[in-house]
Protein backbone atom coordinates (compact mmCIF):
# COMPACT_ATOMS: atom_id res chain seq x y z
CA MET A 1 200.20 6.86 104.77
CA ARG A 2 196.40 7.09 104.80
CA LEU A 3 194.67 9.79 102.82
CA ARG A 4 192.25 11.81 104.90
CA LYS A 5 188.64 10.68 104.44
CA PRO A 6 187.07 14.14 103.95
CA PHE A 7 189.44 14.53 101.01
CA LEU A 8 188.57 11.07 99.74
CA ASN A 9 184.83 11.63 99.96
CA ARG A 10 184.95 14.90 98.00
CA PHE A 11 187.46 13.35 95.62
CA ALA A 12 185.19 10.35 95.02
CA LEU A 13 182.17 12.49 94.17
CA SER A 14 184.05 14.69 91.76
CA LEU A 15 185.82 11.76 90.15
CA LEU A 16 182.59 9.83 89.73
CA ALA A 17 180.89 12.77 88.10
CA LEU A 18 183.80 13.43 85.77
CA VAL A 19 184.28 9.79 84.83
CA LEU A 20 180.64 9.78 83.74
CA VAL A 21 181.25 12.92 81.70
CA VAL A 22 184.35 11.46 80.07
CA GLY A 23 182.52 8.19 79.47
CA LEU A 24 179.93 10.09 77.48
CA GLY A 25 182.67 11.45 75.26
CA ALA A 26 182.96 14.97 76.66
CA GLY A 27 186.15 16.62 77.86
CA CYS A 28 187.03 18.75 80.84
CA ALA A 29 189.29 21.78 80.63
CA SER A 30 191.86 21.50 83.38
CA SER A 31 192.69 25.19 83.61
CA GLY A 32 192.40 28.44 81.77
CA VAL A 33 195.82 27.79 80.27
CA ASN A 34 195.58 24.46 78.44
CA GLN A 35 192.00 24.31 77.30
CA GLY A 36 190.46 20.94 76.58
CA ASP A 37 192.69 18.51 78.50
CA VAL A 38 190.91 16.07 80.80
CA ASN A 39 191.62 16.31 84.51
CA LEU A 40 189.63 14.41 87.12
CA ILE A 41 191.14 16.31 90.05
CA SER A 42 189.82 19.73 91.03
CA ILE A 43 192.22 22.57 91.77
CA ASP A 44 191.35 22.51 95.48
CA GLU A 45 191.97 18.76 95.61
CA GLU A 46 195.25 19.20 93.78
CA TRP A 47 196.49 21.68 96.36
CA GLN A 48 195.45 19.35 99.18
CA LEU A 49 197.27 16.49 97.48
CA GLY A 50 200.31 18.79 97.23
CA GLN A 51 200.29 19.34 100.99
CA GLN A 52 200.32 15.60 101.58
CA LEU A 53 203.10 15.00 99.07
CA GLU A 54 205.20 17.84 100.54
CA SER A 55 204.94 16.34 104.01
CA ASP A 56 206.02 12.90 102.86
CA LEU A 57 208.73 14.15 100.50
CA ALA A 58 210.31 15.98 103.43
CA GLN A 59 211.05 12.53 104.86
CA LYS A 60 212.42 11.12 101.62
CA LEU A 61 214.47 13.95 100.12
CA ASP A 62 217.52 15.71 101.57
CA ILE A 63 215.94 19.15 101.89
CA ASN A 64 218.37 22.04 102.13
CA HIS A 65 217.80 24.45 105.05
CA ASP A 66 220.28 27.21 104.21
CA ARG A 67 218.20 30.32 104.91
CA ALA A 68 219.93 32.63 102.45
CA LEU A 69 219.79 30.07 99.65
CA ASN A 70 216.15 29.20 100.26
CA ALA A 71 215.12 32.84 100.57
CA TYR A 72 216.71 33.65 97.22
CA VAL A 73 215.16 30.68 95.40
CA SER A 74 211.77 31.36 96.96
CA ALA A 75 211.83 35.06 96.04
CA LEU A 76 212.74 34.18 92.45
CA GLY A 77 209.97 31.58 92.29
CA GLN A 78 207.33 33.87 93.76
CA ARG A 79 208.26 36.62 91.31
CA LEU A 80 207.62 34.16 88.49
CA VAL A 81 204.36 32.88 89.98
CA ARG A 82 202.97 36.40 90.31
CA GLN A 83 202.88 36.60 86.51
CA THR A 84 200.74 33.48 86.09
CA ALA A 85 197.09 32.47 86.12
CA MET A 86 197.72 30.64 89.42
CA ALA A 87 199.09 33.64 91.30
CA ASP A 88 196.24 33.48 93.82
CA ARG A 89 197.29 30.00 94.99
CA PRO A 90 199.98 29.31 97.62
CA TRP A 91 203.26 28.13 96.10
CA THR A 92 206.32 26.78 97.90
CA PHE A 93 209.85 26.42 96.55
CA HIS A 94 212.23 23.85 97.99
CA VAL A 95 215.97 23.32 97.55
CA VAL A 96 217.19 19.70 97.53
CA ASN A 97 220.76 18.71 98.37
CA ASP A 98 221.45 16.68 95.25
CA PRO A 99 224.34 17.07 92.78
CA GLN A 100 222.11 15.92 89.91
CA VAL A 101 221.16 18.81 87.63
CA ASN A 102 217.40 18.78 87.98
CA ALA A 103 214.23 20.54 89.09
CA PHE A 104 210.67 19.26 89.20
CA ASP A 105 207.18 20.36 90.12
CA VAL A 106 204.69 18.54 92.32
CA PRO A 107 200.92 19.04 91.97
CA GLY A 108 199.58 21.71 94.26
CA GLY A 109 202.17 24.47 93.90
CA HIS A 110 205.44 22.83 94.95
CA VAL A 111 208.65 23.24 92.96
CA TYR A 112 211.87 21.44 93.94
CA VAL A 113 215.27 22.71 92.77
CA ASN A 114 218.42 20.61 93.14
CA THR A 115 221.65 22.22 94.32
CA GLY A 116 223.23 20.64 91.23
CA LEU A 117 221.11 22.88 89.03
CA ILE A 118 222.05 26.00 91.00
CA ALA A 119 225.72 25.09 90.68
CA THR A 120 225.35 24.60 86.91
CA ALA A 121 223.24 27.67 86.05
CA GLY A 122 225.72 30.39 85.18
CA ASP A 123 223.45 33.31 86.04
CA VAL A 124 220.02 34.04 87.44
CA ALA A 125 218.31 34.08 84.04
CA GLU A 126 219.38 30.47 83.46
CA LEU A 127 218.04 29.35 86.83
CA ALA A 128 214.86 31.36 86.21
CA GLY A 129 214.49 29.56 82.86
CA VAL A 130 214.29 26.12 84.46
CA MET A 131 212.14 27.35 87.34
CA ALA A 132 209.73 29.13 84.96
CA HIS A 133 209.43 25.89 83.01
CA GLU A 134 208.55 23.95 86.18
CA VAL A 135 206.12 26.62 87.40
CA SER A 136 204.46 26.43 83.99
CA HIS A 137 203.98 22.68 84.35
CA GLY A 138 202.15 23.44 87.59
CA VAL A 139 200.11 26.29 86.16
CA ALA A 140 199.05 24.11 83.22
CA ARG A 141 198.29 21.30 85.70
CA HIS A 142 200.24 18.76 83.69
CA GLY A 143 200.89 16.64 86.78
CA THR A 144 197.28 15.94 87.66
CA GLU A 145 196.39 15.57 83.98
CA GLN A 146 199.01 12.83 83.80
CA LEU A 147 197.68 11.26 87.00
CA THR A 148 194.23 11.25 85.42
CA ARG A 149 195.57 9.47 82.34
CA VAL A 150 197.61 6.91 84.26
CA TYR A 151 195.59 6.35 87.44
CA GLY A 152 192.12 7.72 86.68
CA LEU A 153 189.97 4.69 87.44
CA ASN A 154 192.33 3.43 90.15
CA LEU A 155 192.13 6.80 91.88
CA LEU A 156 188.35 6.57 91.71
CA ALA A 157 188.32 3.07 93.22
CA SER A 158 190.72 4.04 95.99
CA ALA A 159 188.68 7.13 96.79
CA LEU A 160 185.43 5.21 96.97
CA LEU A 161 186.95 2.57 99.25
CA GLY A 162 188.55 5.18 101.47
CA ASP A 163 191.06 2.76 102.91
CA ASP A 164 193.44 1.84 100.09
CA PRO A 165 196.50 4.11 99.97
CA SER A 166 198.30 2.05 97.30
CA THR A 167 197.77 4.52 94.47
CA TYR A 168 199.04 7.41 96.57
CA GLN A 169 202.11 5.40 97.54
CA LYS A 170 202.86 4.74 93.87
CA ILE A 171 202.65 8.46 93.15
CA LEU A 172 204.88 9.30 96.11
CA ALA A 173 207.48 6.72 95.10
CA GLN A 174 207.51 8.05 91.55
CA VAL A 175 208.02 11.62 92.72
CA ALA A 176 210.76 10.75 95.22
CA GLY A 177 212.54 8.30 92.95
CA GLY A 178 212.27 9.92 89.56
CA GLY A 179 212.01 13.60 90.42
CA ALA A 180 208.73 14.04 88.59
CA VAL A 181 205.09 13.05 88.79
CA ALA A 182 205.36 11.70 85.28
CA HIS A 183 207.38 11.77 82.12
CA TYR A 184 205.48 14.50 80.36
CA ALA A 185 204.50 14.18 76.74
CA ARG A 186 206.21 16.30 74.12
CA ASP A 187 203.23 18.65 73.89
CA ALA A 188 203.31 19.27 77.65
CA GLU A 189 207.03 20.05 77.55
CA ARG A 190 206.48 22.43 74.64
CA GLU A 191 203.63 24.16 76.45
CA ALA A 192 205.72 24.56 79.62
CA ASP A 193 208.54 26.06 77.53
CA GLN A 194 206.21 28.54 75.80
CA LEU A 195 204.50 29.56 79.03
CA GLY A 196 207.85 29.73 80.81
CA VAL A 197 209.34 32.09 78.23
CA ARG A 198 206.42 34.48 78.64
CA THR A 199 206.48 34.18 82.43
CA MET A 200 210.18 35.05 82.54
CA TYR A 201 209.64 38.04 80.28
CA ASP A 202 206.70 39.33 82.33
CA ALA A 203 208.68 38.85 85.56
CA GLY A 204 211.56 40.90 84.18
CA TYR A 205 214.03 38.09 83.48
CA ASP A 206 215.73 37.70 80.10
CA PRO A 207 214.01 34.66 78.52
CA GLN A 208 217.19 33.99 76.56
CA GLY A 209 218.32 32.41 79.82
CA MET A 210 216.09 29.41 79.10
CA VAL A 211 217.84 28.90 75.77
CA GLU A 212 221.26 29.17 77.42
CA ILE A 213 220.57 26.68 80.22
CA PHE A 214 219.10 24.17 77.76
CA GLU A 215 222.20 24.52 75.59
CA ALA A 216 224.40 24.03 78.64
CA LEU A 217 222.49 20.89 79.59
CA LEU A 218 222.88 19.43 76.10
CA ASP A 219 226.60 20.15 76.32
CA GLN A 220 226.82 18.48 79.72
CA ARG A 221 225.06 15.44 78.34
CA GLN A 222 228.00 15.02 75.99
CA ARG A 223 230.70 15.65 78.60
CA ARG A 224 229.18 14.43 81.90
CA PRO A 225 226.06 12.38 81.08
CA SER A 226 225.65 11.03 84.62
CA ALA A 227 225.24 14.55 86.03
CA VAL A 228 222.16 15.30 83.90
CA GLU A 229 220.69 11.81 83.61
CA GLN A 230 217.79 12.61 85.95
CA PHE A 231 216.88 15.78 84.09
CA PHE A 232 216.85 14.12 80.67
CA SER A 233 214.87 11.12 81.93
CA SER A 234 211.92 13.38 82.75
CA HIS A 235 212.59 16.34 80.40
CA PRO A 236 213.32 15.16 76.84
CA LEU A 237 215.52 17.89 75.41
CA THR A 238 216.44 18.20 71.74
CA GLU A 239 217.94 20.83 69.49
CA GLU A 240 214.52 21.20 67.86
CA ARG A 241 213.01 22.06 71.24
CA ILE A 242 215.70 24.66 71.83
CA GLN A 243 214.99 26.15 68.42
CA ASP A 244 211.32 26.43 69.39
CA VAL A 245 212.28 28.31 72.56
CA ARG A 246 214.50 30.64 70.54
CA ALA A 247 211.58 31.33 68.21
CA ALA A 248 209.29 32.10 71.17
CA VAL A 249 211.85 34.55 72.55
CA ARG A 250 212.16 36.32 69.18
CA GLN A 251 208.40 36.86 69.06
CA LEU A 252 208.42 38.93 72.25
CA PRO A 253 208.50 42.73 71.97
CA ALA A 254 211.79 44.43 72.80
CA LYS A 255 211.93 45.30 76.50
CA ARG A 256 214.61 47.24 78.33
CA GLY A 257 216.03 46.20 81.67
CA LEU A 258 215.50 42.45 81.46
CA ILE A 259 217.64 40.73 84.09
CA SER A 260 220.34 38.32 82.99
CA HIS A 261 222.95 38.70 85.71
CA ASP A 262 222.63 39.24 89.44
CA SER A 263 225.52 39.62 91.88
CA ASP A 264 223.33 38.26 94.68
CA TYR A 265 222.83 35.10 92.66
CA GLN A 266 226.55 34.56 92.34
CA ALA A 267 226.89 34.84 96.11
CA VAL A 268 224.08 32.32 96.59
CA ARG A 269 225.56 30.01 93.97
CA ARG A 270 228.84 29.92 95.87
CA ARG A 271 226.95 28.47 98.83
CA VAL A 272 226.40 25.23 96.88
CA THR A 273 229.76 25.11 95.08
CA ARG A 274 232.20 25.80 97.92
């Protein structure tokens, strides 16, 4: 696949300018959420990259087209997004026919949820916990920060040449094969957890659901490790991390009416378990 040249030209200029800035020892804040992390890709470029990745992933992943299932997942995702600093950007939520328990975000507002995760999450708050975590990766722009760290100069060279799609193909292969743009660092996972807890709370979902799904995944790792292998390969999960999420939940003010259970969710869940 060839990247479009208007994108490459703008990308090259911004990358060149930012590489010079970084070379002089300065940093670039990637978003209003995670101040101070270097990101050579602008938000507009990230969303354009997301469109390209979505198009190609549609050819590589077994995308689920059940209208009721997709409508439910999308409505849940959009409710979460509306509480974030990226609410003004277009977001799309996709369901993937895959028994592996996993979800992942793609730069530019795309979140993919495996049917295996929906089958495993016992209630809507648990599903919302994983989805809020993935949305938070996107809001914090962890994907393009990681691309900057791994491919920064290569991206610049490819952009300046305008005819070398090799870097993009590497990114696409990594997303399709591993279910993530990158294996995020511990700090990025912690930030996505903290942001996700707050996002769930603001959206009206019980953030305890994130604790419960993480506990369930740790339990599955003991009983059925192959089912959660993909999740753990890109989301290092430890008891310490779960304790941190519990602490974040305890710090939130008491709030009545937080959603844990949803009869509509159980009906949707049956669509992937029957």
